[in-house]
Amino acid sequence: MIAGYLTVPAYAAFHRWLGREEQLKPMWDAWAAGDRKAAAASVPTPWWTRCSCTAARSSAGSRSAATPPTA
């Protein structure tokens, strides 16, 4: 599913700006060729685990990212 987001031109440009082109290029190439399965398989797992959304979830403790904060 993340491959669909990372291939949106604005997101792709942002990740290029962040210096992630080398890691994400195989996914972008597979997506451009129409091979969605290969694109999904090409998302680098070590990169994904360091993604800010994962960090945000882990900093929330046991609370789900979708759970609103308590007062």
PDB file of N, CA and C in Angstrom:
ATOM      1  N   MET A   1       0.822  -1.190   0.000  1.00  0.00           N
ATOM      2  CA  MET A   1       0.000   0.000   0.000  1.00  0.00           C
ATOM      3  C   MET A   1       0.874   1.264   0.000  1.00  0.00           C
ATOM      4  N   ILE A   2       1.987   1.263   0.712  1.00  0.00           N
ATOM      5  CA  ILE A   2       2.831   2.455   0.773  1.00  0.00           C
ATOM      6  C   ILE A   2       3.409   2.797  -0.594  1.00  0.00           C
ATOM      7  N   ALA A   3       3.585   1.800  -1.451  1.00  0.00           N
ATOM      8  CA  ALA A   3       4.118   2.060  -2.795  1.00  0.00           C
ATOM      9  C   ALA A   3       3.195   3.005  -3.558  1.00  0.00           C
ATOM     10  N   GLY A   4       1.905   2.871  -3.367  1.00  0.00           N
ATOM     11  CA  GLY A   4       0.956   3.760  -4.031  1.00  0.00           C
ATOM     12  C   GLY A   4       1.123   5.213  -3.621  1.00  0.00           C
ATOM     13  N   TYR A   5       1.472   5.441  -2.383  1.00  0.00           N
ATOM     14  CA  TYR A   5       1.695   6.806  -1.901  1.00  0.00           C
ATOM     15  C   TYR A   5       3.064   7.338  -2.337  1.00  0.00           C
ATOM     16  N   LEU A   6       4.069   6.495  -2.255  1.00  0.00           N
ATOM     17  CA  LEU A   6       5.429   6.945  -2.570  1.00  0.00           C
ATOM     18  C   LEU A   6       5.637   7.228  -4.051  1.00  0.00           C
ATOM     19  N   THR A   7       4.696   6.797  -4.884  1.00  0.00           N
ATOM     20  CA  THR A   7       4.817   7.056  -6.321  1.00  0.00           C
ATOM     21  C   THR A   7       4.059   8.305  -6.768  1.00  0.00           C
ATOM     22  N   VAL A   8       3.288   8.905  -5.885  1.00  0.00           N
ATOM     23  CA  VAL A   8       2.616  10.176  -6.201  1.00  0.00           C
ATOM     24  C   VAL A   8       3.718  11.205  -6.465  1.00  0.00           C
ATOM     25  N   PRO A   9       3.645  11.939  -7.579  1.00  0.00           N
ATOM     26  CA  PRO A   9       4.743  12.843  -7.940  1.00  0.00           C
ATOM     27  C   PRO A   9       5.230  13.770  -6.826  1.00  0.00           C
ATOM     28  N   ALA A  10       4.332  14.342  -6.071  1.00  0.00           N
ATOM     29  CA  ALA A  10       4.767  15.254  -4.998  1.00  0.00           C
ATOM     30  C   ALA A  10       5.528  14.501  -3.910  1.00  0.00           C
ATOM     31  N   TYR A  11       5.036  13.324  -3.525  1.00  0.00           N
ATOM     32  CA  TYR A  11       5.732  12.528  -2.505  1.00  0.00           C
ATOM     33  C   TYR A  11       7.067  12.021  -3.035  1.00  0.00           C
ATOM     34  N   ALA A  12       7.084  11.581  -4.296  1.00  0.00           N
ATOM     35  CA  ALA A  12       8.334  11.095  -4.896  1.00  0.00           C
ATOM     36  C   ALA A  12       9.371  12.217  -4.917  1.00  0.00           C
ATOM     37  N   ALA A  13       8.944  13.415  -5.301  1.00  0.00           N
ATOM     38  CA  ALA A  13       9.873  14.551  -5.328  1.00  0.00           C
ATOM     39  C   ALA A  13      10.399  14.860  -3.926  1.00  0.00           C
ATOM     40  N   PHE A  14       9.531  14.761  -2.939  1.00  0.00           N
ATOM     41  CA  PHE A  14       9.948  15.015  -1.560  1.00  0.00           C
ATOM     42  C   PHE A  14      10.995  13.999  -1.117  1.00  0.00           C
ATOM     43  N   HIS A  15      10.783  12.733  -1.433  1.00  0.00           N
ATOM     44  CA  HIS A  15      11.745  11.698  -1.033  1.00  0.00           C
ATOM     45  C   HIS A  15      13.049  11.808  -1.818  1.00  0.00           C
ATOM     46  N   ARG A  16      12.977  12.286  -3.044  1.00  0.00           N
ATOM     47  CA  ARG A  16      14.219  12.566  -3.782  1.00  0.00           C
ATOM     48  C   ARG A  16      14.978  13.688  -3.076  1.00  0.00           C
ATOM     49  N   TRP A  17      14.265  14.720  -2.670  1.00  0.00           N
ATOM     50  CA  TRP A  17      14.868  15.846  -1.966  1.00  0.00           C
ATOM     51  C   TRP A  17      15.518  15.385  -0.656  1.00  0.00           C
ATOM     52  N   LEU A  18      14.895  14.405  -0.010  1.00  0.00           N
ATOM     53  CA  LEU A  18      15.446  13.858   1.235  1.00  0.00           C
ATOM     54  C   LEU A  18      16.664  12.960   0.990  1.00  0.00           C
ATOM     55  N   GLY A  19      16.949  12.679  -0.272  1.00  0.00           N
ATOM     56  CA  GLY A  19      18.103  11.851  -0.598  1.00  0.00           C
ATOM     57  C   GLY A  19      17.811  10.359  -0.629  1.00  0.00           C
ATOM     58  N   ARG A  20      16.569   9.993  -0.843  1.00  0.00           N
ATOM     59  CA  ARG A  20      16.181   8.584  -0.823  1.00  0.00           C
ATOM     60  C   ARG A  20      16.014   7.976  -2.207  1.00  0.00           C
ATOM     61  N   GLU A  21      16.471   8.687  -3.243  1.00  0.00           N
ATOM     62  CA  GLU A  21      16.258   8.193  -4.599  1.00  0.00           C
ATOM     63  C   GLU A  21      16.885   6.826  -4.832  1.00  0.00           C
ATOM     64  N   GLU A  22      18.092   6.630  -4.353  1.00  0.00           N
ATOM     65  CA  GLU A  22      18.771   5.349  -4.571  1.00  0.00           C
ATOM     66  C   GLU A  22      17.974   4.189  -3.960  1.00  0.00           C
ATOM     67  N   GLN A  23      17.406   4.399  -2.785  1.00  0.00           N
ATOM     68  CA  GLN A  23      16.646   3.346  -2.118  1.00  0.00           C
ATOM     69  C   GLN A  23      15.280   3.110  -2.760  1.00  0.00           C
ATOM     70  N   LEU A  24      14.656   4.166  -3.269  1.00  0.00           N
ATOM     71  CA  LEU A  24      13.286   4.046  -3.758  1.00  0.00           C
ATOM     72  C   LEU A  24      13.179   3.896  -5.277  1.00  0.00           C
ATOM     73  N   LYS A  25      14.261   4.109  -6.004  1.00  0.00           N
ATOM     74  CA  LYS A  25      14.214   4.042  -7.463  1.00  0.00           C
ATOM     75  C   LYS A  25      13.706   2.699  -7.995  1.00  0.00           C
ATOM     76  N   PRO A  26      14.138   1.552  -7.440  1.00  0.00           N
ATOM     77  CA  PRO A  26      13.589   0.287  -7.947  1.00  0.00           C
ATOM     78  C   PRO A  26      12.065   0.216  -7.831  1.00  0.00           C
ATOM     79  N   MET A  27      11.513   0.755  -6.754  1.00  0.00           N
ATOM     80  CA  MET A  27      10.061   0.764  -6.590  1.00  0.00           C
ATOM     81  C   MET A  27       9.408   1.671  -7.627  1.00  0.00           C
ATOM     82  N   TRP A  28       9.987   2.880  -7.806  1.00  0.00           N
ATOM     83  CA  TRP A  28       9.423   3.801  -8.797  1.00  0.00           C
ATOM     84  C   TRP A  28       9.490   3.218 -10.206  1.00  0.00           C
ATOM     85  N   ASP A  29      10.600   2.563 -10.532  1.00  0.00           N
ATOM     86  CA  ASP A  29      10.745   1.956 -11.864  1.00  0.00           C
ATOM     87  C   ASP A  29       9.721   0.849 -12.080  1.00  0.00           C
ATOM     88  N   ALA A  30       9.540  -0.004 -11.090  1.00  0.00           N
ATOM     89  CA  ALA A  30       8.567  -1.093 -11.209  1.00  0.00           C
ATOM     90  C   ALA A  30       7.153  -0.530 -11.348  1.00  0.00           C
ATOM     91  N   TRP A  31       6.844   0.503 -10.574  1.00  0.00           N
ATOM     92  CA  TRP A  31       5.513   1.121 -10.641  1.00  0.00           C
ATOM     93  C   TRP A  31       5.281   1.727 -12.026  1.00  0.00           C
ATOM     94  N   ALA A  32       6.280   2.431 -12.533  1.00  0.00           N
ATOM     95  CA  ALA A  32       6.162   3.058 -13.858  1.00  0.00           C
ATOM     96  C   ALA A  32       5.981   2.014 -14.956  1.00  0.00           C
ATOM     97  N   ALA A  33       6.548   0.832 -14.762  1.00  0.00           N
ATOM     98  CA  ALA A  33       6.410  -0.255 -15.732  1.00  0.00           C
ATOM     99  C   ALA A  33       5.074  -0.982 -15.581  1.00  0.00           C
ATOM    100  N   GLY A  34       4.287  -0.609 -14.590  1.00  0.00           N
ATOM    101  CA  GLY A  34       2.980  -1.221 -14.381  1.00  0.00           C
ATOM    102  C   GLY A  34       3.006  -2.464 -13.501  1.00  0.00           C
ATOM    103  N   ASP A  35       4.149  -2.773 -12.922  1.00  0.00           N
ATOM    104  CA  ASP A  35       4.281  -3.968 -12.087  1.00  0.00           C
ATOM    105  C   ASP A  35       4.084  -3.592 -10.616  1.00  0.00           C
ATOM    106  N   ARG A  36       2.826  -3.536 -10.204  1.00  0.00           N
ATOM    107  CA  ARG A  36       2.484  -3.111  -8.844  1.00  0.00           C
ATOM    108  C   ARG A  36       3.014  -4.089  -7.791  1.00  0.00           C
ATOM    109  N   LYS A  37       2.978  -5.377  -8.108  1.00  0.00           N
ATOM    110  CA  LYS A  37       3.460  -6.380  -7.160  1.00  0.00           C
ATOM    111  C   LYS A  37       4.962  -6.205  -6.900  1.00  0.00           C
ATOM    112  N   ALA A  38       5.729  -6.013  -7.971  1.00  0.00           N
ATOM    113  CA  ALA A  38       7.176  -5.798  -7.811  1.00  0.00           C
ATOM    114  C   ALA A  38       7.451  -4.479  -7.097  1.00  0.00           C
ATOM    115  N   ALA A  39       6.643  -3.459  -7.375  1.00  0.00           N
ATOM    116  CA  ALA A  39       6.825  -2.167  -6.705  1.00  0.00           C
ATOM    117  C   ALA A  39       6.628  -2.325  -5.202  1.00  0.00           C
ATOM    118  N   ALA A  40       5.571  -3.027  -4.816  1.00  0.00           N
ATOM    119  CA  ALA A  40       5.311  -3.235  -3.393  1.00  0.00           C
ATOM    120  C   ALA A  40       6.442  -4.034  -2.745  1.00  0.00           C
ATOM    121  N   ALA A  41       6.950  -5.019  -3.459  1.00  0.00           N
ATOM    122  CA  ALA A  41       8.039  -5.844  -2.923  1.00  0.00           C
ATOM    123  C   ALA A  41       9.352  -5.075  -2.873  1.00  0.00           C
ATOM    124  N   SER A  42       9.466  -3.995  -3.643  1.00  0.00           N
ATOM    125  CA  SER A  42      10.702  -3.215  -3.708  1.00  0.00           C
ATOM    126  C   SER A  42      10.821  -2.145  -2.633  1.00  0.00           C
ATOM    127  N   VAL A  43       9.774  -1.927  -1.861  1.00  0.00           N
ATOM    128  CA  VAL A  43       9.857  -0.930  -0.792  1.00  0.00           C
ATOM    129  C   VAL A  43      10.879  -1.439   0.221  1.00  0.00           C
ATOM    130  N   PRO A  44      11.950  -0.688   0.424  1.00  0.00           N
ATOM    131  CA  PRO A  44      12.996  -1.164   1.328  1.00  0.00           C
ATOM    132  C   PRO A  44      12.518  -1.219   2.775  1.00  0.00           C
ATOM    133  N   THR A  45      12.458  -2.409   3.327  1.00  0.00           N
ATOM    134  CA  THR A  45      11.956  -2.600   4.690  1.00  0.00           C
ATOM    135  C   THR A  45      12.749  -1.818   5.726  1.00  0.00           C
ATOM    136  N   PRO A  46      14.087  -1.844   5.704  1.00  0.00           N
ATOM    137  CA  PRO A  46      14.800  -1.045   6.718  1.00  0.00           C
ATOM    138  C   PRO A  46      14.451   0.440   6.653  1.00  0.00           C
ATOM    139  N   TRP A  47      14.267   0.972   5.444  1.00  0.00           N
ATOM    140  CA  TRP A  47      13.877   2.370   5.308  1.00  0.00           C
ATOM    141  C   TRP A  47      12.495   2.589   5.910  1.00  0.00           C
ATOM    142  N   TRP A  48      11.573   1.714   5.598  1.00  0.00           N
ATOM    143  CA  TRP A  48      10.200   1.874   6.051  1.00  0.00           C
ATOM    144  C   TRP A  48      10.119   1.838   7.577  1.00  0.00           C
ATOM    145  N   THR A  49      10.913   1.008   8.221  1.00  0.00           N
ATOM    146  CA  THR A  49      10.841   0.915   9.675  1.00  0.00           C
ATOM    147  C   THR A  49      11.379   2.165  10.359  1.00  0.00           C
ATOM    148  N   ARG A  50      12.180   2.965   9.632  1.00  0.00           N
ATOM    149  CA  ARG A  50      12.685   4.217  10.192  1.00  0.00           C
ATOM    150  C   ARG A  50      11.824   5.413   9.813  1.00  0.00           C
ATOM    151  N   CYS A  51      10.764   5.183   9.082  1.00  0.00           N
ATOM    152  CA  CYS A  51       9.888   6.257   8.607  1.00  0.00           C
ATOM    153  C   CYS A  51       9.268   6.991   9.802  1.00  0.00           C
ATOM    154  N   SER A  52       9.024   8.267   9.649  1.00  0.00           N
ATOM    155  CA  SER A  52       8.507   9.078  10.756  1.00  0.00           C
ATOM    156  C   SER A  52       7.155   8.582  11.249  1.00  0.00           C
ATOM    157  N   CYS A  53       6.342   7.993  10.371  1.00  0.00           N
ATOM    158  CA  CYS A  53       5.033   7.528  10.832  1.00  0.00           C
ATOM    159  C   CYS A  53       5.202   6.351  11.784  1.00  0.00           C
ATOM    160  N   THR A  54       6.200   5.517  11.573  1.00  0.00           N
ATOM    161  CA  THR A  54       6.482   4.421  12.485  1.00  0.00           C
ATOM    162  C   THR A  54       6.996   4.978  13.812  1.00  0.00           C
ATOM    163  N   ALA A  55       7.849   5.972  13.741  1.00  0.00           N
ATOM    164  CA  ALA A  55       8.376   6.595  14.957  1.00  0.00           C
ATOM    165  C   ALA A  55       7.252   7.241  15.756  1.00  0.00           C
ATOM    166  N   ALA A  56       6.313   7.860  15.063  1.00  0.00           N
ATOM    167  CA  ALA A  56       5.189   8.494  15.754  1.00  0.00           C
ATOM    168  C   ALA A  56       4.357   7.450  16.481  1.00  0.00           C
ATOM    169  N   ARG A  57       4.153   6.295  15.839  1.00  0.00           N
ATOM    170  CA  ARG A  57       3.394   5.230  16.481  1.00  0.00           C
ATOM    171  C   ARG A  57       4.129   4.692  17.699  1.00  0.00           C
ATOM    172  N   SER A  58       5.432   4.505  17.581  1.00  0.00           N
ATOM    173  CA  SER A  58       6.164   3.932  18.705  1.00  0.00           C
ATOM    174  C   SER A  58       6.262   4.929  19.861  1.00  0.00           C
ATOM    175  N   SER A  59       6.286   6.219  19.563  1.00  0.00           N
ATOM    176  CA  SER A  59       6.366   7.205  20.639  1.00  0.00           C
ATOM    177  C   SER A  59       5.032   7.356  21.360  1.00  0.00           C
ATOM    178  N   ALA A  60       3.974   6.839  20.752  1.00  0.00           N
ATOM    179  CA  ALA A  60       2.664   6.905  21.386  1.00  0.00           C
ATOM    180  C   ALA A  60       2.496   5.808  22.435  1.00  0.00           C
ATOM    181  N   GLY A  61       3.500   4.975  22.579  1.00  0.00           N
ATOM    182  CA  GLY A  61       3.418   3.891  23.552  1.00  0.00           C
ATOM    183  C   GLY A  61       2.473   2.812  23.054  1.00  0.00           C
ATOM    184  N   SER A  62       1.625   2.325  23.914  1.00  0.00           N
ATOM    185  CA  SER A  62       0.711   1.259  23.522  1.00  0.00           C
ATOM    186  C   SER A  62      -0.525   1.803  22.820  1.00  0.00           C
ATOM    187  N   ARG A  63      -0.676   3.099  22.823  1.00  0.00           N
ATOM    188  CA  ARG A  63      -1.838   3.733  22.208  1.00  0.00           C
ATOM    189  C   ARG A  63      -1.726   3.667  20.688  1.00  0.00           C
ATOM    190  N   SER A  64      -2.784   3.365  20.017  1.00  0.00           N
ATOM    191  CA  SER A  64      -2.802   3.325  18.562  1.00  0.00           C
ATOM    192  C   SER A  64      -2.715   4.741  18.013  1.00  0.00           C
ATOM    193  N   ALA A  65      -2.109   4.879  16.821  1.00  0.00           N
ATOM    194  CA  ALA A  65      -2.004   6.189  16.187  1.00  0.00           C
ATOM    195  C   ALA A  65      -3.379   6.742  15.859  1.00  0.00           C
ATOM    196  N   ALA A  66      -4.373   5.860  15.692  1.00  0.00           N
ATOM    197  CA  ALA A  66      -5.723   6.300  15.358  1.00  0.00           C
ATOM    198  C   ALA A  66      -6.531   6.666  16.597  1.00  0.00           C
ATOM    199  N   THR A  67      -6.011   6.375  17.769  1.00  0.00           N
ATOM    200  CA  THR A  67      -6.731   6.666  19.009  1.00  0.00           C
ATOM    201  C   THR A  67      -6.497   8.121  19.408  1.00  0.00           C
ATOM    202  N   PRO A  68      -7.562   8.876  19.609  1.00  0.00           N
ATOM    203  CA  PRO A  68      -7.368  10.277  20.016  1.00  0.00           C
ATOM    204  C   PRO A  68      -6.773  10.335  21.423  1.00  0.00           C
ATOM    205  N   PRO A  69      -5.959  11.372  21.671  1.00  0.00           N
ATOM    206  CA  PRO A  69      -5.359  11.498  23.000  1.00  0.00           C
ATOM    207  C   PRO A  69      -6.423  11.728  24.065  1.00  0.00           C
ATOM    208  N   THR A  70      -6.128  11.279  25.255  1.00  0.00           N
ATOM    209  CA  THR A  70      -7.053  11.503  26.362  1.00  0.00           C
ATOM    210  C   THR A  70      -6.749  12.829  27.039  1.00  0.00           C
ATOM    211  N   ALA A  71      -7.756  13.403  27.628  1.00  0.00           N
ATOM    212  CA  ALA A  71      -7.590  14.708  28.273  1.00  0.00           C
ATOM    213  C   ALA A  71      -6.937  14.595  29.626  1.00  0.00           C
TER     214      ALA A  71
END
